[in-house]
C-alpha atoms as a PDB file:
ATOM      1  CA  MET A   1      97.767 148.198 156.412  1.00  0.00           C
ATOM      2  CA  ASN A   2     101.329 147.210 155.992  1.00  0.00           C
ATOM      3  CA  SER A   3     104.147 148.973 154.026  1.00  0.00           C
ATOM      4  CA  VAL A   4     104.896 146.382 151.377  1.00  0.00           C
ATOM      5  CA  LEU A   5     101.465 144.963 151.328  1.00  0.00           C
ATOM      6  CA  LEU A   6      99.999 148.914 150.166  1.00  0.00           C
ATOM      7  CA  LEU A   7     103.242 149.406 147.881  1.00  0.00           C
ATOM      8  CA  ILE A   8     102.539 146.460 145.673  1.00  0.00           C
ATOM      9  CA  ILE A   9      98.751 146.834 145.321  1.00  0.00           C
ATOM     10  CA  VAL A  10      99.256 150.546 144.688  1.00  0.00           C
ATOM     11  CA  VAL A  11     102.252 150.030 141.653  1.00  0.00           C
ATOM     12  CA  THR A  12      99.691 147.033 140.447  1.00  0.00           C
ATOM     13  CA  ALA A  13      97.211 150.137 139.792  1.00  0.00           C
ATOM     14  CA  ILE A  14      99.024 152.304 138.693  1.00  0.00           C
ATOM     15  CA  VAL A  15     100.678 149.441 135.865  1.00  0.00           C
ATOM     16  CA  SER A  16      97.569 148.769 135.080  1.00  0.00           C
ATOM     17  CA  PHE A  17      95.151 151.771 134.703  1.00  0.00           C
ATOM     18  CA  LYS A  18      98.458 152.758 132.199  1.00  0.00           C
ATOM     19  CA  GLY A  19      97.919 149.809 130.297  1.00  0.00           C
ATOM     20  CA  PHE A  20      94.052 150.218 130.248  1.00  0.00           C
ATOM     21  CA  GLY A  21      95.116 153.750 127.764  1.00  0.00           C
ATOM     22  CA  ASP A  22      98.359 152.529 126.653  1.00  0.00           C
ATOM     23  CA  GLU A  23      97.949 149.519 124.227  1.00  0.00           C
ATOM     24  CA  SER A  24     101.642 150.153 123.211  1.00  0.00           C
ATOM     25  CA  PHE A  25     103.000 149.834 127.254  1.00  0.00           C
ATOM     26  CA  PHE A  26     100.534 146.293 127.280  1.00  0.00           C
ATOM     27  CA  ARG A  27     101.505 144.516 124.466  1.00  0.00           C
ATOM     28  CA  LYS A  28     105.391 145.640 125.548  1.00  0.00           C
ATOM     29  CA  TYR A  29     105.008 144.029 129.036  1.00  0.00           C
ATOM     30  CA  GLU A  30     102.352 141.057 128.949  1.00  0.00           C
ATOM     31  CA  PHE A  31     102.742 137.475 128.986  1.00  0.00           C
ATOM     32  CA  HIS A  32     103.241 136.469 125.905  1.00  0.00           C
ATOM     33  CA  ILE A  33     104.922 133.309 124.972  1.00  0.00           C
ATOM     34  CA  GLY A  34     106.513 133.949 121.363  1.00  0.00           C
ATOM     35  CA  SER A  35     108.195 136.912 123.156  1.00  0.00           C
ATOM     36  CA  ILE A  36     109.184 135.170 125.904  1.00  0.00           C
ATOM     37  CA  ARG A  37     110.641 132.445 124.163  1.00  0.00           C
ATOM     38  CA  ALA A  38     112.673 135.328 122.155  1.00  0.00           C
ATOM     39  CA  GLY A  39     114.087 136.635 125.882  1.00  0.00           C
ATOM     40  CA  GLU A  40     112.015 139.165 126.720  1.00  0.00           C
ATOM     41  CA  HIS A  41     111.831 137.005 130.540  1.00  0.00           C
ATOM     42  CA  ILE A  42     110.679 140.024 132.322  1.00  0.00           C
ATOM     43  CA  ARG A  43     107.827 140.168 130.604  1.00  0.00           C
ATOM     44  CA  MET A  44     107.138 136.417 132.899  1.00  0.00           C
ATOM     45  CA  VAL A  45     106.567 139.370 135.777  1.00  0.00           C
ATOM     46  CA  THR A  46     105.552 142.689 133.720  1.00  0.00           C
ATOM     47  CA  SER A  47     102.721 140.765 133.192  1.00  0.00           C
ATOM     48  CA  ALA A  48     101.142 140.548 136.515  1.00  0.00           C
ATOM     49  CA  PHE A  49     101.301 144.171 137.295  1.00  0.00           C
ATOM     50  CA  LEU A  50      99.149 144.434 133.989  1.00  0.00           C
ATOM     51  CA  HIS A  51      95.359 143.293 134.122  1.00  0.00           C
ATOM     52  CA  GLY A  52      92.440 142.846 131.726  1.00  0.00           C
ATOM     53  CA  ASP A  53      89.748 146.359 133.129  1.00  0.00           C
ATOM     54  CA  ILE A  54      88.795 147.438 136.709  1.00  0.00           C
ATOM     55  CA  GLY A  55      86.777 144.704 137.526  1.00  0.00           C
ATOM     56  CA  HIS A  56      89.631 141.873 136.882  1.00  0.00           C
ATOM     57  CA  LEU A  57      92.158 144.684 138.963  1.00  0.00           C
ATOM     58  CA  LEU A  58      90.154 144.830 141.811  1.00  0.00           C
ATOM     59  CA  PHE A  59      88.600 141.107 142.374  1.00  0.00           C
ATOM     60  CA  ASN A  60      92.901 140.275 142.318  1.00  0.00           C
ATOM     61  CA  MET A  61      93.906 143.361 144.864  1.00  0.00           C
ATOM     62  CA  LEU A  62      90.948 142.836 147.028  1.00  0.00           C
ATOM     63  CA  THR A  63      91.806 139.251 147.592  1.00  0.00           C
ATOM     64  CA  LEU A  64      94.975 140.335 148.028  1.00  0.00           C
ATOM     65  CA  TYR A  65      94.012 142.765 150.515  1.00  0.00           C
ATOM     66  CA  PHE A  66      92.278 140.512 152.987  1.00  0.00           C
ATOM     67  CA  PHE A  67      94.078 137.347 152.551  1.00  0.00           C
ATOM     68  CA  ALA A  68      97.494 139.378 152.644  1.00  0.00           C
ATOM     69  CA  PRO A  69      97.375 140.321 156.446  1.00  0.00           C
ATOM     70  CA  VAL A  70      96.983 136.768 157.537  1.00  0.00           C
ATOM     71  CA  VAL A  71     100.576 135.341 156.001  1.00  0.00           C
ATOM     72  CA  ILE A  72     102.061 138.964 157.275  1.00  0.00           C
ATOM     73  CA  GLN A  73     100.890 137.765 160.988  1.00  0.00           C
ATOM     74  CA  ASN A  74     101.953 134.830 160.994  1.00  0.00           C
ATOM     75  CA  PHE A  75     105.545 135.311 159.163  1.00  0.00           C
ATOM     76  CA  ASP A  76     106.716 139.086 158.413  1.00  0.00           C
ATOM     77  CA  SER A  77     106.881 141.000 155.580  1.00  0.00           C
ATOM     78  CA  LEU A  78     109.596 139.314 153.963  1.00  0.00           C
ATOM     79  CA  SER A  79     108.087 136.374 153.835  1.00  0.00           C
ATOM     80  CA  PHE A  80     105.293 138.234 152.453  1.00  0.00           C
ATOM     81  CA  ILE A  81     106.743 138.877 149.711  1.00  0.00           C
ATOM     82  CA  ILE A  82     109.115 135.870 149.023  1.00  0.00           C
ATOM     83  CA  ILE A  83     105.733 133.956 148.888  1.00  0.00           C
ATOM     84  CA  TYR A  84     103.968 136.662 146.647  1.00  0.00           C
ATOM     85  CA  PHE A  85     106.964 136.609 143.936  1.00  0.00           C
ATOM     86  CA  ALA A  86     107.841 133.007 144.003  1.00  0.00           C
ATOM     87  CA  SER A  87     103.686 132.537 143.656  1.00  0.00           C
ATOM     88  CA  LEU A  88     104.607 134.692 140.771  1.00  0.00           C
ATOM     89  CA  ILE A  89     107.210 133.314 139.467  1.00  0.00           C
ATOM     90  CA  CYS A  90     105.405 129.800 139.312  1.00  0.00           C
ATOM     91  CA  GLY A  91     102.648 131.158 137.942  1.00  0.00           C
ATOM     92  CA  SER A  92     104.394 131.907 135.067  1.00  0.00           C
ATOM     93  CA  LEU A  93     106.711 129.144 134.639  1.00  0.00           C
ATOM     94  CA  LEU A  94     103.523 126.595 134.835  1.00  0.00           C
ATOM     95  CA  THR A  95     101.963 128.940 131.876  1.00  0.00           C
ATOM     96  CA  LEU A  96     105.130 128.587 130.030  1.00  0.00           C
ATOM     97  CA  TYR A  97     105.004 124.754 130.171  1.00  0.00           C
ATOM     98  CA  PHE A  98     101.359 124.630 129.364  1.00  0.00           C
ATOM     99  CA  HIS A  99     101.605 126.970 126.272  1.00  0.00           C
ATOM    100  CA  ASN A 100     105.401 126.901 125.384  1.00  0.00           C
ATOM    101  CA  ASN A 101     104.439 126.033 121.611  1.00  0.00           C
ATOM    102  CA  ASP A 102     101.682 128.506 120.898  1.00  0.00           C
ATOM    103  CA  TYR A 103     103.963 131.858 120.312  1.00  0.00           C
ATOM    104  CA  TYR A 104     100.513 133.279 120.288  1.00  0.00           C
ATOM    105  CA  TYR A 105      99.569 133.306 123.973  1.00  0.00           C
ATOM    106  CA  ARG A 106      99.440 136.236 126.080  1.00  0.00           C
ATOM    107  CA  ALA A 107      97.627 136.849 129.654  1.00  0.00           C
ATOM    108  CA  ILE A 108      97.903 138.955 131.888  1.00  0.00           C
ATOM    109  CA  GLY A 109      97.185 139.858 135.906  1.00  0.00           C
ATOM    110  CA  ALA A 110      98.019 138.759 139.660  1.00  0.00           C
ATOM    111  CA  SER A 111      96.194 136.083 139.877  1.00  0.00           C
ATOM    112  CA  GLY A 112      99.261 133.609 140.558  1.00  0.00           C
ATOM    113  CA  ALA A 113     101.091 135.586 142.896  1.00  0.00           C
ATOM    114  CA  VAL A 114      97.486 136.592 144.763  1.00  0.00           C
ATOM    115  CA  THR A 115      95.907 132.721 144.257  1.00  0.00           C
ATOM    116  CA  GLY A 116      99.839 131.278 146.408  1.00  0.00           C
ATOM    117  CA  VAL A 117      99.245 133.991 149.102  1.00  0.00           C
ATOM    118  CA  LEU A 118      95.732 132.895 149.485  1.00  0.00           C
ATOM    119  CA  TYR A 119      96.189 129.182 150.181  1.00  0.00           C
ATOM    120  CA  SER A 120      99.036 130.399 151.908  1.00  0.00           C
ATOM    121  CA  ALA A 121      97.080 132.339 154.298  1.00  0.00           C
ATOM    122  CA  ILE A 122      93.959 129.687 154.056  1.00  0.00           C
ATOM    123  CA  LEU A 123      96.812 127.224 155.315  1.00  0.00           C
ATOM    124  CA  LEU A 124      97.747 128.910 158.661  1.00  0.00           C
ATOM    125  CA  HIS A 125      94.248 129.847 159.453  1.00  0.00           C
ATOM    126  CA  PRO A 126      91.259 127.398 158.015  1.00  0.00           C
ATOM    127  CA  ASP A 127      88.981 128.470 159.980  1.00  0.00           C
ATOM    128  CA  MET A 128      88.694 131.922 158.430  1.00  0.00           C
ATOM    129  CA  SER A 129      85.636 133.692 156.260  1.00  0.00           C
ATOM    130  CA  LEU A 130      84.553 135.249 153.591  1.00  0.00           C
ATOM    131  CA  TYR A 131      81.600 138.442 152.949  1.00  0.00           C
ATOM    132  CA  LEU A 132      81.131 138.237 149.306  1.00  0.00           C
ATOM    133  CA  PHE A 133      78.618 141.123 148.145  1.00  0.00           C
ATOM    134  CA  PHE A 134      76.204 139.114 145.937  1.00  0.00           C
ATOM    135  CA  ILE A 135      76.215 136.206 149.354  1.00  0.00           C
ATOM    136  CA  PRO A 136      74.590 137.243 152.694  1.00  0.00           C
ATOM    137  CA  ILE A 137      76.321 134.172 154.616  1.00  0.00           C
ATOM    138  CA  PRO A 138      79.606 134.346 155.794  1.00  0.00           C
ATOM    139  CA  ILE A 139      81.629 131.593 153.060  1.00  0.00           C
ATOM    140  CA  PRO A 140      84.722 129.728 154.428  1.00  0.00           C
ATOM    141  CA  ALA A 141      87.675 130.788 153.159  1.00  0.00           C
ATOM    142  CA  TYR A 142      88.803 127.126 152.315  1.00  0.00           C
ATOM    143  CA  LEU A 143      85.571 126.632 150.074  1.00  0.00           C
ATOM    144  CA  PHE A 144      86.349 129.658 147.928  1.00  0.00           C
ATOM    145  CA  GLY A 145      89.713 128.905 146.998  1.00  0.00           C
ATOM    146  CA  ILE A 146      89.061 125.652 145.827  1.00  0.00           C
ATOM    147  CA  GLY A 147      86.285 126.624 144.453  1.00  0.00           C
ATOM    148  CA  TYR A 148      88.677 129.672 142.689  1.00  0.00           C
ATOM    149  CA  LEU A 149      90.983 127.306 141.236  1.00  0.00           C
ATOM    150  CA  LEU A 150      87.718 124.996 140.246  1.00  0.00           C
ATOM    151  CA  TYR A 151      86.374 127.966 137.845  1.00  0.00           C
ATOM    152  CA  SER A 152      90.471 128.230 136.589  1.00  0.00           C
ATOM    153  CA  ILE A 153      90.663 125.111 135.513  1.00  0.00           C
ATOM    154  CA  TYR A 154      86.966 126.295 132.992  1.00  0.00           C
ATOM    155  CA  GLY A 155      89.392 128.916 131.961  1.00  0.00           C
ATOM    156  CA  MET A 156      91.614 127.040 130.905  1.00  0.00           C
ATOM    157  CA  LYS A 157      89.317 124.490 128.892  1.00  0.00           C
ATOM    158  CA  ALA A 158      87.052 127.764 127.369  1.00  0.00           C
ATOM    159  CA  LYS A 159      89.678 129.679 126.265  1.00  0.00           C
ATOM    160  CA  ASN A 160      87.738 133.092 125.698  1.00  0.00           C
ATOM    161  CA  ASP A 161      89.145 135.581 127.987  1.00  0.00           C
ATOM    162  CA  ASN A 162      92.628 137.061 128.066  1.00  0.00           C
ATOM    163  CA  ILE A 163      93.292 135.799 132.008  1.00  0.00           C
ATOM    164  CA  GLY A 164      96.494 133.768 132.839  1.00  0.00           C
ATOM    165  CA  HIS A 165      93.964 131.165 134.281  1.00  0.00           C
ATOM    166  CA  THR A 166      97.361 128.253 134.184  1.00  0.00           C
ATOM    167  CA  ALA A 167      98.958 130.963 136.595  1.00  0.00           C
ATOM    168  CA  HIS A 168      96.631 130.536 139.076  1.00  0.00           C
ATOM    169  CA  PHE A 169      98.035 127.037 140.178  1.00  0.00           C
ATOM    170  CA  GLY A 170     101.002 127.616 138.992  1.00  0.00           C
ATOM    171  CA  GLY A 171     100.813 130.493 141.975  1.00  0.00           C
ATOM    172  CA  ALA A 172      98.351 128.070 144.677  1.00  0.00           C
ATOM    173  CA  ILE A 173     101.448 124.924 144.461  1.00  0.00           C
ATOM    174  CA  GLY A 174     104.183 127.528 145.471  1.00  0.00           C
ATOM    175  CA  GLY A 175     102.011 129.037 147.903  1.00  0.00           C
ATOM    176  CA  TYR A 176     101.211 126.035 148.984  1.00  0.00           C
ATOM    177  CA  ILE A 177     104.535 124.196 148.989  1.00  0.00           C
ATOM    178  CA  ILE A 178     106.010 127.519 150.523  1.00  0.00           C
ATOM    179  CA  THR A 179     103.818 127.590 153.641  1.00  0.00           C
ATOM    180  CA  LEU A 180     104.168 123.460 154.373  1.00  0.00           C
ATOM    181  CA  ALA A 181     107.951 124.482 154.226  1.00  0.00           C
ATOM    182  CA  LYS A 182     107.858 126.885 156.411  1.00  0.00           C
ATOM    183  CA  VAL A 183     105.279 125.245 159.306  1.00  0.00           C
ATOM    184  CA  PRO A 184     105.688 121.795 158.186  1.00  0.00           C
ATOM    185  CA  SER A 185     103.859 120.451 161.076  1.00  0.00           C
ATOM    186  CA  MET A 186     100.684 120.893 159.323  1.00  0.00           C
ATOM    187  CA  VAL A 187     100.499 117.752 157.408  1.00  0.00           C
ATOM    188  CA  THR A 188     100.005 116.374 160.549  1.00  0.00           C
ATOM    189  CA  ASP A 189      98.127 118.939 162.814  1.00  0.00           C
ATOM    190  CA  ASN A 190      95.703 119.652 160.323  1.00  0.00           C
ATOM    191  CA  THR A 191      96.250 117.094 158.024  1.00  0.00           C
ATOM    192  CA  LEU A 192      92.071 117.874 156.395  1.00  0.00           C
ATOM    193  CA  MET A 193      92.799 121.095 155.034  1.00  0.00           C
ATOM    194  CA  VAL A 194      96.068 120.384 153.736  1.00  0.00           C
ATOM    195  CA  VAL A 195      94.405 117.437 151.814  1.00  0.00           C
ATOM    196  CA  LEU A 196      91.414 119.310 150.653  1.00  0.00           C
ATOM    197  CA  LEU A 197      93.373 122.081 149.157  1.00  0.00           C
ATOM    198  CA  LEU A 198      95.748 119.655 147.125  1.00  0.00           C
ATOM    199  CA  ILE A 199      92.405 118.286 145.610  1.00  0.00           C
ATOM    200  CA  PRO A 200      91.821 121.040 143.027  1.00  0.00           C
ATOM    201  CA  ILE A 201      95.422 120.871 141.506  1.00  0.00           C
ATOM    202  CA  VAL A 202      95.899 116.898 141.575  1.00  0.00           C
ATOM    203  CA  ILE A 203      92.328 117.114 139.620  1.00  0.00           C
ATOM    204  CA  LEU A 204      94.619 119.409 137.195  1.00  0.00           C
ATOM    205  CA  LEU A 205      97.182 117.065 136.866  1.00  0.00           C
ATOM    206  CA  ILE A 206      94.444 114.193 135.863  1.00  0.00           C
ATOM    207  CA  LEU A 207      93.257 115.910 133.408  1.00  0.00           C
ATOM    208  CA  LEU A 208      96.238 117.130 132.084  1.00  0.00           C
ATOM    209  CA  LYS A 209      96.955 113.676 132.152  1.00  0.00           C
ATOM    210  CA  MET A 210      93.755 112.739 130.326  1.00  0.00           C
ATOM    211  CA  GLY A 211      94.701 115.197 127.611  1.00  0.00           C
ATOM    212  CA  LYS A 212      91.336 117.238 128.383  1.00  0.00           C
ATOM    213  CA  ILE A 213      93.522 120.348 128.704  1.00  0.00           C
END
């Protein structure tokens, strides 16, 4: 495994487990609108290293484990770091935009950063397939990516957990734009996939415009 990827996974796991057993630590570094607006901007980054439970942590880190190597192999470790943290920041900024006046809004998770890497990897290798534990047949990676964001729309509307669903979209937008900026020929060489991955983002914007979210 690439050393940079391993470092991110290990640090995220350590911080998450610390948060599982230390509520004051968890509250100090989670994404919290009131605290961020009071000047604690570091939470926009640190919240990505916290998770709600082991299942949430495993899902994000396994997704990163499977898709990050594709980005690293096609670009390099530095580009992976840029995509990861730029997607993280984009996810936090979009969350701040959506919930700017909801001072009590809280969220945690690396989902924004991971979704950015996921989108980048799918753009680079649209023919990838995944084998999920509960489905015995390969699933096209692009369907997983689109479904992931559609589920995020549901999570944003339901508001029944502490997961940063809004960050998924910010991260996807970040990974999508950076990857296309690095390889603009994808727009003409792989137009269908570029359009398909844009669909959930467009749906979100339409729902926002209609006041449904």
